[in-house]
Protein backbone atom coordinates (compact mmCIF):
# COMPACT_ATOMS: atom_id res chain seq x y z
CA UNK A 1 19.11 -24.40 80.27
CA UNK A 2 20.88 -27.06 82.26
CA UNK A 3 23.36 -26.73 85.16
CA UNK A 4 23.17 -22.93 84.99
CA UNK A 5 23.38 -20.12 87.54
CA UNK A 6 21.06 -17.27 86.54
CA UNK A 7 21.49 -13.96 88.36
CA UNK A 8 20.10 -10.45 88.14
CA UNK A 9 21.73 -8.02 90.50
CA UNK A 10 20.21 -4.77 89.29
CA UNK A 11 20.53 -1.42 91.01
CA UNK A 12 16.82 -0.95 90.35
CA UNK A 13 14.78 -3.63 92.14
CA UNK A 14 11.90 -2.91 89.75
CA UNK A 15 13.96 -4.25 86.81
CA UNK A 16 12.97 -7.92 86.87
CA UNK A 17 15.01 -10.85 85.66
CA UNK A 18 13.56 -11.78 82.29
CA UNK A 19 14.54 -15.14 80.83
CA UNK A 20 11.97 -15.09 78.04
CA UNK A 21 12.74 -11.87 76.15
CA UNK A 22 9.22 -10.51 76.59
CA UNK A 23 7.10 -9.32 79.47
CA UNK A 24 5.42 -12.19 81.29
CA UNK A 25 5.88 -14.72 78.50
CA UNK A 26 4.51 -18.15 79.19
CA UNK A 27 5.58 -20.87 79.39
CA UNK A 28 8.98 -20.21 80.89
CA UNK A 29 12.13 -21.82 79.50
CA UNK A 30 12.93 -25.47 79.95
CA UNK A 31 15.78 -27.24 81.67
CA UNK A 32 16.93 -28.86 84.87
CA UNK A 33 19.47 -28.38 87.67
CA UNK A 34 19.41 -24.57 87.53
CA UNK A 35 19.82 -21.96 90.26
CA UNK A 36 18.20 -18.51 90.13
CA UNK A 37 18.85 -15.38 92.23
CA UNK A 38 17.55 -13.07 93.55
CA UNK A 39 14.56 -14.52 95.32
CA UNK A 40 11.33 -12.58 95.68
CA UNK A 41 12.31 -9.18 94.30
CA UNK A 42 9.30 -7.63 92.62
CA UNK A 43 8.38 -9.25 89.28
CA UNK A 44 11.12 -11.85 88.72
CA UNK A 45 9.66 -14.92 87.07
CA UNK A 46 11.02 -18.46 87.26
CA UNK A 47 13.33 -19.04 84.30
CA UNK A 48 12.57 -22.77 84.21
CA UNK A 49 9.96 -24.91 85.94
CA UNK A 50 11.13 -26.25 89.28
CA UNK A 51 14.14 -23.94 89.41
CA UNK A 52 15.93 -23.57 92.75
CA UNK A 53 15.89 -20.01 94.10
CA UNK A 54 18.82 -19.35 96.43
CA UNK A 55 21.84 -17.08 96.77
CA UNK A 56 24.56 -18.93 94.79
CA UNK A 57 27.26 -17.54 97.11
CA UNK A 58 29.76 -16.84 94.35
CA UNK A 59 33.15 -15.16 94.67
CA UNK A 60 34.64 -12.49 92.44
CA UNK A 61 35.68 -12.88 88.81
CA UNK A 62 39.25 -14.18 88.99
CA UNK A 63 41.94 -16.17 87.23
CA UNK A 64 41.05 -19.62 88.61
CA UNK A 65 42.95 -21.44 85.86
CA UNK A 66 41.87 -22.24 82.33
CA UNK A 67 41.58 -20.00 79.27
CA UNK A 68 39.20 -17.42 80.77
CA UNK A 69 38.50 -15.85 84.14
CA UNK A 70 35.74 -17.52 86.13
CA UNK A 71 33.71 -17.02 89.28
CA UNK A 72 34.18 -19.79 91.84
CA UNK A 73 31.46 -20.82 94.29
CA UNK A 74 32.20 -20.13 97.95
CA UNK A 75 32.11 -22.88 100.60
CA UNK A 76 28.49 -23.73 101.38
CA UNK A 77 27.20 -22.55 98.00
CA UNK A 78 24.02 -24.35 96.88
CA UNK A 79 25.64 -24.57 93.42
CA UNK A 80 28.16 -27.16 94.71
CA UNK A 81 27.06 -30.65 93.74
CA UNK A 82 23.69 -29.46 92.38
CA UNK A 83 24.32 -30.36 88.73
CA UNK A 84 23.83 -33.53 86.75
CA UNK A 85 24.83 -34.96 83.38
CA UNK A 86 27.92 -32.71 83.31
CA UNK A 87 30.90 -33.04 81.01
CA UNK A 88 33.72 -35.09 82.60
CA UNK A 89 35.96 -32.00 82.98
CA UNK A 90 35.35 -28.39 83.96
CA UNK A 91 36.42 -25.26 82.03
CA UNK A 92 40.00 -25.71 83.30
CA UNK A 93 40.20 -29.37 82.31
CA UNK A 94 39.87 -30.54 85.92
CA UNK A 95 37.77 -33.69 86.54
CA UNK A 96 34.15 -33.46 87.68
CA UNK A 97 31.64 -36.05 88.75
CA UNK A 98 29.12 -36.08 85.87
CA UNK A 99 26.37 -37.31 88.22
CA UNK A 100 26.80 -34.61 90.92
CA UNK A 101 28.80 -31.66 89.63
CA UNK A 102 28.94 -28.00 90.55
CA UNK A 103 26.84 -25.57 88.50
CA UNK A 104 28.85 -23.17 86.37
CA UNK A 105 32.27 -23.32 84.76
CA UNK A 106 34.40 -24.97 87.41
CA UNK A 107 34.52 -27.42 90.28
CA UNK A 108 35.77 -25.96 93.57
C-alpha cells in the first residue's frame, strides 16, 4: 500500500481492523506514506510498518468532481501533504505535487 487512508469504524470495538486476511498474521503488509485509524482500539494491528496512526479528518462522500464521488480531507487533516511519489493529477484530473501530495483520491 502506498499513499492510502485505511479506516475501520466498526460499531463493535472488538472487531479489529485486519489488513492481512488472517488473525494476527505476521509480517504486516508493506508500503509507505499510509494513514491508519482508529488508534488504540482493542486488537487493531499496524497495516504496514511505520504507518501513521491519526484521525484522517475526512468529510462525507460527495460529488467533488470527477467520475465518482469522493471523500475530501477537512482542513487540518494529517492526510494533506503526507503522500509521496503520486501521479501528477488526482482522480478529477486536477494537478498534484508528486513529491508532497494528499493521501486518497483528490487534492483539497
